[in-house]
Amino acid sequence: MNWEDWGQIGKEIGFSHVVPLEVKTLRLLPEVRQMCQSNSCRMYGKNWSCPPGCGTLEECRERIAACSSGILVQTVGQLEDEMDGEGMMETEARHKESFQKLHDRLLLAGEDVLAIGAGCCTRCKACTYPDAPCRFPKKCFASMEAYGMLVTEVCRDNGLQYYYGPATIAYTSCFLFR
């Protein structure tokens, strides 16, 4: 299938926006990866999908270099106000659910895909890192930030809006095809 077909399926699954992604626009920035080391999300060193478990930036570059095309998916949510934490969490949950559904559909269709999400992998209730290998390596996904991507830049460089005005939030992920 081509990106338009997957884009239509993505919209049916629940994404607000699906656009083609030019792999050559992806820049992996050490300063973005360094933000992970500040451990503000408390997942650094605790998950196969987060640094250092997801590999070095060079290893991430090699995975991306094996890809020829991609799609950028996004879920936009309306918030009651700028501080609507519940609305943010609901939008994030919808995005992650849609992301996993589309990822599963891509794998079922036999697509060789590199899934890069919003936030760390949540496939398992508890990650095996670092004591045992990942239970589902084909279903595991790292975040765009763990790969060193500045999400606003990726959106801009691929013609996708990132900011939708006050009292909105957008979660963005991508699927890269080998």
N, C-alpha and C. Protein backbone atom coordinates (compact mmCIF):
# COMPACT_ATOMS: atom_id res chain seq x y z
N MET A 1 0.84 -1.19 0.00
CA MET A 1 0.00 0.00 0.00
C MET A 1 0.88 1.25 0.00
N ASN A 2 0.33 2.34 -0.47
CA ASN A 2 1.08 3.59 -0.47
C ASN A 2 0.66 4.45 0.73
N TRP A 3 1.29 5.59 0.85
CA TRP A 3 1.04 6.43 2.03
C TRP A 3 -0.40 6.92 2.07
N GLU A 4 -1.02 7.16 0.89
CA GLU A 4 -2.42 7.63 0.90
C GLU A 4 -3.35 6.57 1.50
N ASP A 5 -3.10 5.29 1.15
CA ASP A 5 -3.91 4.21 1.71
C ASP A 5 -3.74 4.14 3.22
N TRP A 6 -2.48 4.18 3.67
CA TRP A 6 -2.24 4.14 5.11
C TRP A 6 -2.76 5.40 5.78
N GLY A 7 -2.69 6.52 5.08
CA GLY A 7 -3.24 7.77 5.61
C GLY A 7 -4.73 7.66 5.85
N GLN A 8 -5.43 7.08 4.90
CA GLN A 8 -6.89 6.90 5.05
C GLN A 8 -7.19 5.96 6.22
N ILE A 9 -6.45 4.88 6.31
CA ILE A 9 -6.65 3.94 7.43
C ILE A 9 -6.34 4.66 8.75
N GLY A 10 -5.28 5.44 8.77
CA GLY A 10 -4.92 6.19 9.98
C GLY A 10 -6.03 7.12 10.42
N LYS A 11 -6.65 7.80 9.47
CA LYS A 11 -7.76 8.70 9.82
C LYS A 11 -8.95 7.90 10.35
N GLU A 12 -9.24 6.77 9.72
CA GLU A 12 -10.34 5.92 10.17
C GLU A 12 -10.08 5.41 11.59
N ILE A 13 -8.83 5.13 11.90
CA ILE A 13 -8.46 4.64 13.23
C ILE A 13 -8.61 5.73 14.28
N GLY A 14 -8.42 7.01 13.87
CA GLY A 14 -8.64 8.08 14.85
C GLY A 14 -7.66 9.23 14.83
N PHE A 15 -6.64 9.22 13.96
CA PHE A 15 -5.71 10.34 13.92
C PHE A 15 -6.41 11.56 13.31
N SER A 16 -6.04 12.73 13.79
CA SER A 16 -6.55 13.99 13.24
C SER A 16 -5.93 14.29 11.89
N HIS A 17 -4.63 13.99 11.76
CA HIS A 17 -3.88 14.29 10.55
C HIS A 17 -2.91 13.17 10.23
N VAL A 18 -2.76 12.88 8.94
CA VAL A 18 -1.75 11.94 8.45
C VAL A 18 -1.18 12.56 7.18
N VAL A 19 0.14 12.75 7.15
CA VAL A 19 0.80 13.34 5.98
C VAL A 19 2.04 12.52 5.64
N PRO A 20 2.49 12.61 4.38
CA PRO A 20 3.73 11.91 4.03
C PRO A 20 4.92 12.54 4.74
N LEU A 21 5.90 11.73 5.04
CA LEU A 21 7.11 12.20 5.70
C LEU A 21 8.30 11.90 4.79
N GLU A 22 9.08 12.91 4.52
CA GLU A 22 10.31 12.75 3.75
C GLU A 22 11.43 12.38 4.72
N VAL A 23 11.94 11.17 4.61
CA VAL A 23 12.96 10.69 5.54
C VAL A 23 14.17 11.62 5.55
N LYS A 24 14.52 12.20 4.41
CA LYS A 24 15.71 13.06 4.35
C LYS A 24 15.58 14.32 5.19
N THR A 25 14.36 14.65 5.64
CA THR A 25 14.17 15.85 6.48
C THR A 25 14.49 15.58 7.95
N LEU A 26 14.66 14.34 8.32
CA LEU A 26 14.86 13.99 9.72
C LEU A 26 16.29 14.28 10.15
N ARG A 27 16.40 15.13 11.15
CA ARG A 27 17.71 15.43 11.76
C ARG A 27 17.68 14.93 13.19
N LEU A 28 18.69 14.18 13.57
CA LEU A 28 18.79 13.66 14.93
C LEU A 28 19.78 14.53 15.68
N LEU A 29 19.28 15.26 16.65
CA LEU A 29 20.06 16.28 17.34
C LEU A 29 20.50 15.82 18.72
N PRO A 30 21.80 15.88 19.00
CA PRO A 30 22.29 15.48 20.32
C PRO A 30 21.64 16.28 21.44
N GLU A 31 21.35 17.56 21.21
CA GLU A 31 20.76 18.38 22.27
C GLU A 31 19.35 17.92 22.63
N VAL A 32 18.62 17.34 21.67
CA VAL A 32 17.29 16.80 21.99
C VAL A 32 17.47 15.53 22.82
N ARG A 33 18.40 14.68 22.41
CA ARG A 33 18.67 13.45 23.15
C ARG A 33 19.12 13.78 24.56
N GLN A 34 19.89 14.84 24.72
CA GLN A 34 20.37 15.23 26.05
C GLN A 34 19.22 15.62 26.97
N MET A 35 18.13 16.10 26.40
CA MET A 35 16.96 16.42 27.23
C MET A 35 16.44 15.15 27.92
N CYS A 36 16.60 14.01 27.24
CA CYS A 36 16.18 12.75 27.87
C CYS A 36 16.98 12.48 29.13
N GLN A 37 18.26 12.83 29.09
CA GLN A 37 19.11 12.58 30.25
C GLN A 37 18.70 13.38 31.48
N SER A 38 17.96 14.47 31.28
CA SER A 38 17.48 15.22 32.44
C SER A 38 16.43 14.43 33.21
N ASN A 39 15.87 13.40 32.55
CA ASN A 39 14.95 12.44 33.16
C ASN A 39 13.67 13.07 33.72
N SER A 40 13.18 14.11 33.06
CA SER A 40 11.94 14.74 33.53
C SER A 40 10.74 13.80 33.43
N CYS A 41 10.78 12.84 32.53
CA CYS A 41 9.67 11.88 32.43
C CYS A 41 9.89 10.65 33.31
N ARG A 42 11.04 10.57 33.95
CA ARG A 42 11.40 9.48 34.85
C ARG A 42 11.49 8.11 34.15
N MET A 43 11.81 8.11 32.86
CA MET A 43 11.93 6.84 32.13
C MET A 43 13.35 6.58 31.63
N TYR A 44 14.25 7.55 31.79
CA TYR A 44 15.62 7.37 31.33
C TYR A 44 16.24 6.16 32.02
N GLY A 45 16.73 5.23 31.20
CA GLY A 45 17.38 4.04 31.74
C GLY A 45 16.42 3.02 32.33
N LYS A 46 15.13 3.13 32.01
CA LYS A 46 14.14 2.22 32.59
C LYS A 46 13.29 1.51 31.56
N ASN A 47 13.60 1.69 30.27
CA ASN A 47 12.73 1.18 29.23
C ASN A 47 13.57 0.93 27.98
N TRP A 48 13.30 -0.16 27.25
CA TRP A 48 14.02 -0.44 26.01
C TRP A 48 13.82 0.65 24.97
N SER A 49 12.76 1.41 25.07
CA SER A 49 12.47 2.43 24.06
C SER A 49 13.04 3.79 24.41
N CYS A 50 13.66 3.92 25.57
CA CYS A 50 14.24 5.19 26.00
C CYS A 50 15.75 5.06 26.08
N PRO A 51 16.46 6.19 25.99
CA PRO A 51 17.91 6.11 26.15
C PRO A 51 18.26 5.57 27.53
N PRO A 52 19.28 4.83 27.68
CA PRO A 52 20.17 4.36 26.62
C PRO A 52 19.69 3.08 25.94
N GLY A 53 18.58 2.51 26.39
CA GLY A 53 18.08 1.24 25.85
C GLY A 53 17.77 1.25 24.37
N CYS A 54 17.36 2.40 23.83
CA CYS A 54 17.00 2.47 22.41
C CYS A 54 18.21 2.60 21.50
N GLY A 55 19.39 2.69 22.09
CA GLY A 55 20.61 2.77 21.28
C GLY A 55 21.14 4.19 21.19
N THR A 56 22.32 4.30 20.64
CA THR A 56 22.96 5.60 20.45
C THR A 56 22.30 6.35 19.31
N LEU A 57 22.58 7.63 19.21
CA LEU A 57 22.06 8.39 18.07
C LEU A 57 22.57 7.82 16.76
N GLU A 58 23.79 7.33 16.74
CA GLU A 58 24.33 6.73 15.52
C GLU A 58 23.54 5.48 15.15
N GLU A 59 23.19 4.66 16.12
CA GLU A 59 22.37 3.47 15.84
C GLU A 59 20.99 3.87 15.34
N CYS A 60 20.42 4.94 15.91
CA CYS A 60 19.13 5.44 15.45
C CYS A 60 19.25 5.94 14.01
N ARG A 61 20.35 6.65 13.69
CA ARG A 61 20.59 7.13 12.32
C ARG A 61 20.64 5.96 11.34
N GLU A 62 21.31 4.89 11.73
CA GLU A 62 21.42 3.71 10.86
C GLU A 62 20.05 3.09 10.60
N ARG A 63 19.20 3.03 11.62
CA ARG A 63 17.85 2.48 11.42
C ARG A 63 17.06 3.35 10.46
N ILE A 64 17.16 4.66 10.65
CA ILE A 64 16.43 5.58 9.78
C ILE A 64 16.98 5.54 8.36
N ALA A 65 18.29 5.40 8.21
CA ALA A 65 18.91 5.36 6.88
C ALA A 65 18.41 4.18 6.05
N ALA A 66 17.93 3.14 6.71
CA ALA A 66 17.40 1.97 6.01
C ALA A 66 15.97 2.20 5.50
N CYS A 67 15.40 3.36 5.81
CA CYS A 67 14.01 3.66 5.45
C CYS A 67 13.96 4.59 4.23
N SER A 68 12.95 4.39 3.40
CA SER A 68 12.85 5.18 2.17
C SER A 68 11.69 6.17 2.18
N SER A 69 10.70 5.94 3.01
CA SER A 69 9.55 6.84 3.06
C SER A 69 8.89 6.72 4.43
N GLY A 70 7.88 7.54 4.65
CA GLY A 70 7.20 7.47 5.94
C GLY A 70 5.92 8.28 5.96
N ILE A 71 5.24 8.17 7.08
CA ILE A 71 4.05 9.00 7.33
C ILE A 71 4.18 9.59 8.73
N LEU A 72 3.65 10.78 8.84
CA LEU A 72 3.59 11.50 10.11
C LEU A 72 2.14 11.48 10.54
N VAL A 73 1.87 11.06 11.77
CA VAL A 73 0.50 10.97 12.28
C VAL A 73 0.36 11.88 13.49
N GLN A 74 -0.82 12.45 13.64
CA GLN A 74 -1.00 13.43 14.71
C GLN A 74 -2.43 13.38 15.24
N THR A 75 -2.55 13.54 16.54
CA THR A 75 -3.84 13.66 17.21
C THR A 75 -3.88 15.02 17.88
N VAL A 76 -4.89 15.80 17.54
CA VAL A 76 -5.06 17.14 18.12
C VAL A 76 -6.26 17.10 19.05
N GLY A 77 -6.07 17.63 20.24
CA GLY A 77 -7.15 17.67 21.22
C GLY A 77 -7.47 19.08 21.65
N GLN A 78 -8.75 19.31 21.93
CA GLN A 78 -9.22 20.59 22.48
C GLN A 78 -9.19 20.48 24.00
N LEU A 79 -8.68 21.51 24.64
CA LEU A 79 -8.60 21.54 26.09
C LEU A 79 -9.57 22.58 26.63
N GLU A 80 -10.01 22.40 27.86
CA GLU A 80 -10.88 23.40 28.48
C GLU A 80 -10.13 24.72 28.67
N ASP A 81 -8.85 24.61 29.03
CA ASP A 81 -7.98 25.77 29.17
C ASP A 81 -6.54 25.28 29.08
N GLU A 82 -5.59 26.18 29.17
CA GLU A 82 -4.18 25.84 29.01
C GLU A 82 -3.67 24.87 30.08
N MET A 83 -4.36 24.77 31.19
CA MET A 83 -3.91 23.92 32.30
C MET A 83 -4.75 22.64 32.44
N ASP A 84 -5.47 22.25 31.42
CA ASP A 84 -6.37 21.10 31.45
C ASP A 84 -5.57 19.80 31.34
N GLY A 85 -4.99 19.38 32.46
CA GLY A 85 -4.19 18.16 32.49
C GLY A 85 -4.98 16.92 32.10
N GLU A 86 -6.23 16.85 32.51
CA GLU A 86 -7.07 15.70 32.18
C GLU A 86 -7.28 15.63 30.67
N GLY A 87 -7.53 16.76 30.03
CA GLY A 87 -7.71 16.80 28.58
C GLY A 87 -6.43 16.40 27.85
N MET A 88 -5.28 16.82 28.39
CA MET A 88 -4.00 16.44 27.79
C MET A 88 -3.81 14.94 27.86
N MET A 89 -4.10 14.35 29.01
CA MET A 89 -3.93 12.91 29.19
C MET A 89 -4.91 12.13 28.32
N GLU A 90 -6.14 12.62 28.18
CA GLU A 90 -7.12 11.95 27.32
C GLU A 90 -6.66 11.97 25.86
N THR A 91 -6.14 13.11 25.41
CA THR A 91 -5.65 13.20 24.04
C THR A 91 -4.44 12.29 23.83
N GLU A 92 -3.54 12.26 24.80
CA GLU A 92 -2.38 11.37 24.71
C GLU A 92 -2.83 9.91 24.64
N ALA A 93 -3.79 9.53 25.45
CA ALA A 93 -4.29 8.15 25.44
C ALA A 93 -4.92 7.80 24.10
N ARG A 94 -5.69 8.72 23.54
CA ARG A 94 -6.30 8.49 22.20
C ARG A 94 -5.21 8.33 21.16
N HIS A 95 -4.18 9.18 21.24
CA HIS A 95 -3.09 9.11 20.27
C HIS A 95 -2.36 7.77 20.37
N LYS A 96 -2.03 7.37 21.59
CA LYS A 96 -1.30 6.10 21.77
C LYS A 96 -2.14 4.91 21.31
N GLU A 97 -3.44 4.96 21.57
CA GLU A 97 -4.32 3.87 21.12
C GLU A 97 -4.34 3.80 19.59
N SER A 98 -4.48 4.95 18.95
CA SER A 98 -4.49 4.98 17.48
C SER A 98 -3.13 4.53 16.94
N PHE A 99 -2.05 4.97 17.59
CA PHE A 99 -0.70 4.61 17.16
C PHE A 99 -0.52 3.09 17.21
N GLN A 100 -0.92 2.47 18.32
CA GLN A 100 -0.76 1.02 18.43
C GLN A 100 -1.64 0.28 17.43
N LYS A 101 -2.84 0.78 17.20
CA LYS A 101 -3.72 0.13 16.22
C LYS A 101 -3.13 0.19 14.82
N LEU A 102 -2.63 1.37 14.44
CA LEU A 102 -2.04 1.47 13.10
C LEU A 102 -0.76 0.66 13.01
N HIS A 103 0.04 0.67 14.04
CA HIS A 103 1.27 -0.13 14.05
C HIS A 103 0.93 -1.61 13.86
N ASP A 104 -0.07 -2.09 14.59
CA ASP A 104 -0.48 -3.49 14.46
C ASP A 104 -0.98 -3.79 13.05
N ARG A 105 -1.73 -2.87 12.46
CA ARG A 105 -2.23 -3.06 11.08
C ARG A 105 -1.08 -3.12 10.09
N LEU A 106 -0.10 -2.24 10.27
CA LEU A 106 1.06 -2.23 9.38
C LEU A 106 1.82 -3.55 9.47
N LEU A 107 2.04 -4.04 10.68
CA LEU A 107 2.74 -5.31 10.86
C LEU A 107 1.94 -6.46 10.29
N LEU A 108 0.64 -6.47 10.51
CA LEU A 108 -0.23 -7.52 9.98
C LEU A 108 -0.21 -7.55 8.46
N ALA A 109 -0.07 -6.39 7.84
CA ALA A 109 -0.03 -6.28 6.38
C ALA A 109 1.36 -6.64 5.83
N GLY A 110 2.31 -6.94 6.72
CA GLY A 110 3.64 -7.33 6.28
C GLY A 110 4.57 -6.18 5.97
N GLU A 111 4.20 -4.97 6.39
CA GLU A 111 5.06 -3.81 6.17
C GLU A 111 6.29 -3.91 7.07
N ASP A 112 7.44 -3.59 6.52
CA ASP A 112 8.66 -3.51 7.30
C ASP A 112 8.77 -2.07 7.76
N VAL A 113 8.38 -1.82 9.00
CA VAL A 113 8.18 -0.46 9.47
C VAL A 113 8.97 -0.19 10.75
N LEU A 114 9.47 1.03 10.83
CA LEU A 114 10.10 1.53 12.05
C LEU A 114 9.11 2.52 12.66
N ALA A 115 8.52 2.16 13.77
CA ALA A 115 7.52 3.00 14.44
C ALA A 115 8.23 3.87 15.48
N ILE A 116 7.97 5.18 15.42
CA ILE A 116 8.57 6.11 16.37
C ILE A 116 7.43 6.96 16.93
N GLY A 117 7.17 6.83 18.21
CA GLY A 117 5.97 7.38 18.81
C GLY A 117 6.16 8.66 19.60
N ALA A 118 5.11 8.98 20.33
CA ALA A 118 5.09 10.11 21.26
C ALA A 118 5.20 9.52 22.66
N GLY A 119 6.34 9.68 23.29
CA GLY A 119 6.55 9.06 24.59
C GLY A 119 7.07 7.65 24.45
N CYS A 120 7.39 7.05 25.57
CA CYS A 120 8.01 5.72 25.54
C CYS A 120 6.98 4.64 25.22
N CYS A 121 7.51 3.50 24.86
CA CYS A 121 6.67 2.34 24.53
C CYS A 121 5.84 1.95 25.76
N THR A 122 4.59 1.66 25.51
CA THR A 122 3.68 1.26 26.59
C THR A 122 3.01 -0.07 26.27
N ARG A 123 3.62 -0.85 25.40
CA ARG A 123 3.04 -2.14 25.02
C ARG A 123 2.90 -3.07 26.21
N CYS A 124 3.89 -3.07 27.07
CA CYS A 124 3.88 -3.96 28.24
C CYS A 124 3.60 -3.16 29.50
N LYS A 125 2.95 -3.81 30.44
CA LYS A 125 2.68 -3.14 31.72
C LYS A 125 3.98 -2.76 32.42
N ALA A 126 4.97 -3.66 32.35
CA ALA A 126 6.28 -3.41 32.93
C ALA A 126 7.34 -3.85 31.92
N CYS A 127 8.25 -2.96 31.61
CA CYS A 127 9.32 -3.25 30.65
C CYS A 127 10.35 -4.17 31.31
N THR A 128 10.96 -5.02 30.51
CA THR A 128 11.97 -5.96 31.00
C THR A 128 13.35 -5.31 31.13
N TYR A 129 13.50 -4.07 30.67
CA TYR A 129 14.80 -3.39 30.68
C TYR A 129 15.33 -3.24 32.09
N PRO A 130 16.57 -3.46 32.33
CA PRO A 130 17.63 -4.00 31.49
C PRO A 130 17.89 -5.49 31.73
N ASP A 131 17.01 -6.13 32.49
CA ASP A 131 17.26 -7.49 32.96
C ASP A 131 17.02 -8.58 31.93
N ALA A 132 16.18 -8.33 30.93
CA ALA A 132 15.86 -9.35 29.93
C ALA A 132 15.57 -8.65 28.61
N PRO A 133 15.67 -9.38 27.50
CA PRO A 133 15.37 -8.77 26.20
C PRO A 133 13.90 -8.32 26.13
N CYS A 134 13.64 -7.39 25.24
CA CYS A 134 12.27 -6.93 25.00
C CYS A 134 11.39 -8.12 24.61
N ARG A 135 10.20 -8.18 25.18
CA ARG A 135 9.27 -9.27 24.88
C ARG A 135 8.74 -9.20 23.44
N PHE A 136 8.58 -8.00 22.93
CA PHE A 136 7.97 -7.79 21.61
C PHE A 136 8.80 -6.80 20.78
N PRO A 137 10.00 -7.19 20.37
CA PRO A 137 10.89 -6.24 19.68
C PRO A 137 10.29 -5.64 18.40
N LYS A 138 9.44 -6.36 17.70
CA LYS A 138 8.83 -5.80 16.48
C LYS A 138 7.72 -4.81 16.80
N LYS A 139 7.18 -4.89 18.00
CA LYS A 139 6.09 -3.99 18.40
C LYS A 139 6.56 -2.85 19.29
N CYS A 140 7.79 -2.91 19.74
CA CYS A 140 8.35 -1.87 20.59
C CYS A 140 8.59 -0.60 19.76
N PHE A 141 8.45 0.54 20.38
CA PHE A 141 8.71 1.79 19.67
C PHE A 141 9.34 2.79 20.62
N ALA A 142 10.27 3.58 20.10
CA ALA A 142 10.88 4.66 20.85
C ALA A 142 10.15 5.95 20.52
N SER A 143 10.44 6.99 21.27
CA SER A 143 9.82 8.29 20.99
C SER A 143 10.66 9.07 19.98
N MET A 144 10.03 10.04 19.36
CA MET A 144 10.74 10.90 18.42
C MET A 144 11.88 11.61 19.14
N GLU A 145 11.64 12.03 20.38
CA GLU A 145 12.69 12.71 21.15
C GLU A 145 13.83 11.76 21.49
N ALA A 146 13.53 10.51 21.81
CA ALA A 146 14.58 9.54 22.10
C ALA A 146 15.49 9.36 20.88
N TYR A 147 14.93 9.54 19.70
CA TYR A 147 15.71 9.49 18.46
C TYR A 147 16.42 10.80 18.17
N GLY A 148 16.21 11.80 19.02
CA GLY A 148 16.87 13.08 18.83
C GLY A 148 16.13 14.02 17.90
N MET A 149 14.87 13.73 17.62
CA MET A 149 14.09 14.57 16.71
C MET A 149 13.42 15.71 17.47
N LEU A 150 13.49 16.89 16.91
CA LEU A 150 12.75 18.03 17.41
C LEU A 150 11.42 18.01 16.68
N VAL A 151 10.35 17.65 17.38
CA VAL A 151 9.06 17.37 16.75
C VAL A 151 8.54 18.57 15.97
N THR A 152 8.70 19.77 16.51
CA THR A 152 8.22 20.96 15.80
C THR A 152 8.91 21.09 14.44
N GLU A 153 10.19 20.78 14.39
CA GLU A 153 10.96 20.85 13.15
C GLU A 153 10.50 19.79 12.15
N VAL A 154 10.28 18.57 12.63
CA VAL A 154 9.82 17.49 11.75
C VAL A 154 8.48 17.86 11.14
N CYS A 155 7.58 18.40 11.96
CA CYS A 155 6.28 18.83 11.45
C CYS A 155 6.45 19.92 10.40
N ARG A 156 7.19 20.96 10.74
CA ARG A 156 7.40 22.08 9.82
C ARG A 156 7.98 21.61 8.49
N ASP A 157 9.00 20.76 8.55
CA ASP A 157 9.70 20.32 7.34
C ASP A 157 8.87 19.36 6.49
N ASN A 158 7.76 18.90 7.03
CA ASN A 158 6.91 17.98 6.28
C ASN A 158 5.49 18.53 6.07
N GLY A 159 5.34 19.83 6.28
CA GLY A 159 4.07 20.49 5.97
C GLY A 159 2.92 20.18 6.91
N LEU A 160 3.24 19.84 8.14
CA LEU A 160 2.20 19.54 9.14
C LEU A 160 2.24 20.60 10.23
N GLN A 161 1.12 21.18 10.49
CA GLN A 161 1.03 22.16 11.57
C GLN A 161 1.35 21.48 12.90
N TYR A 162 1.92 22.24 13.82
CA TYR A 162 2.21 21.69 15.15
C TYR A 162 1.38 22.39 16.23
N TYR A 163 1.21 23.68 16.08
CA TYR A 163 0.46 24.45 17.07
C TYR A 163 -0.89 24.84 16.46
N TYR A 164 -1.96 24.54 17.17
CA TYR A 164 -3.31 24.79 16.67
C TYR A 164 -4.04 25.86 17.47
N GLY A 165 -3.32 26.63 18.23
CA GLY A 165 -3.92 27.73 18.96
C GLY A 165 -4.07 27.42 20.44
N PRO A 166 -4.54 28.44 21.18
CA PRO A 166 -4.70 28.25 22.62
C PRO A 166 -5.69 27.13 22.93
N ALA A 167 -5.47 26.51 24.06
CA ALA A 167 -6.33 25.44 24.55
C ALA A 167 -6.41 24.26 23.57
N THR A 168 -5.28 23.96 22.93
CA THR A 168 -5.16 22.75 22.11
C THR A 168 -3.86 22.06 22.45
N ILE A 169 -3.79 20.79 22.12
CA ILE A 169 -2.55 20.03 22.28
C ILE A 169 -2.47 19.06 21.11
N ALA A 170 -1.25 18.84 20.63
CA ALA A 170 -1.04 17.91 19.52
C ALA A 170 0.02 16.88 19.93
N TYR A 171 -0.27 15.61 19.67
CA TYR A 171 0.69 14.53 19.85
C TYR A 171 1.03 14.01 18.46
N THR A 172 2.33 13.86 18.20
CA THR A 172 2.81 13.52 16.87
C THR A 172 3.72 12.29 16.94
N SER A 173 3.59 11.40 15.96
CA SER A 173 4.42 10.21 15.85
C SER A 173 4.69 9.96 14.37
N CYS A 174 5.52 8.96 14.08
CA CYS A 174 5.75 8.64 12.67
C CYS A 174 6.00 7.14 12.48
N PHE A 175 5.79 6.75 11.25
CA PHE A 175 6.09 5.39 10.81
C PHE A 175 6.98 5.51 9.60
N LEU A 176 8.14 4.87 9.64
CA LEU A 176 9.08 4.91 8.53
C LEU A 176 9.12 3.53 7.89
N PHE A 177 9.08 3.52 6.55
CA PHE A 177 9.00 2.26 5.80
C PHE A 177 10.36 1.90 5.21
N ARG A 178 10.77 0.66 5.45
CA ARG A 178 12.04 0.16 4.89
C ARG A 178 11.80 -0.39 3.51
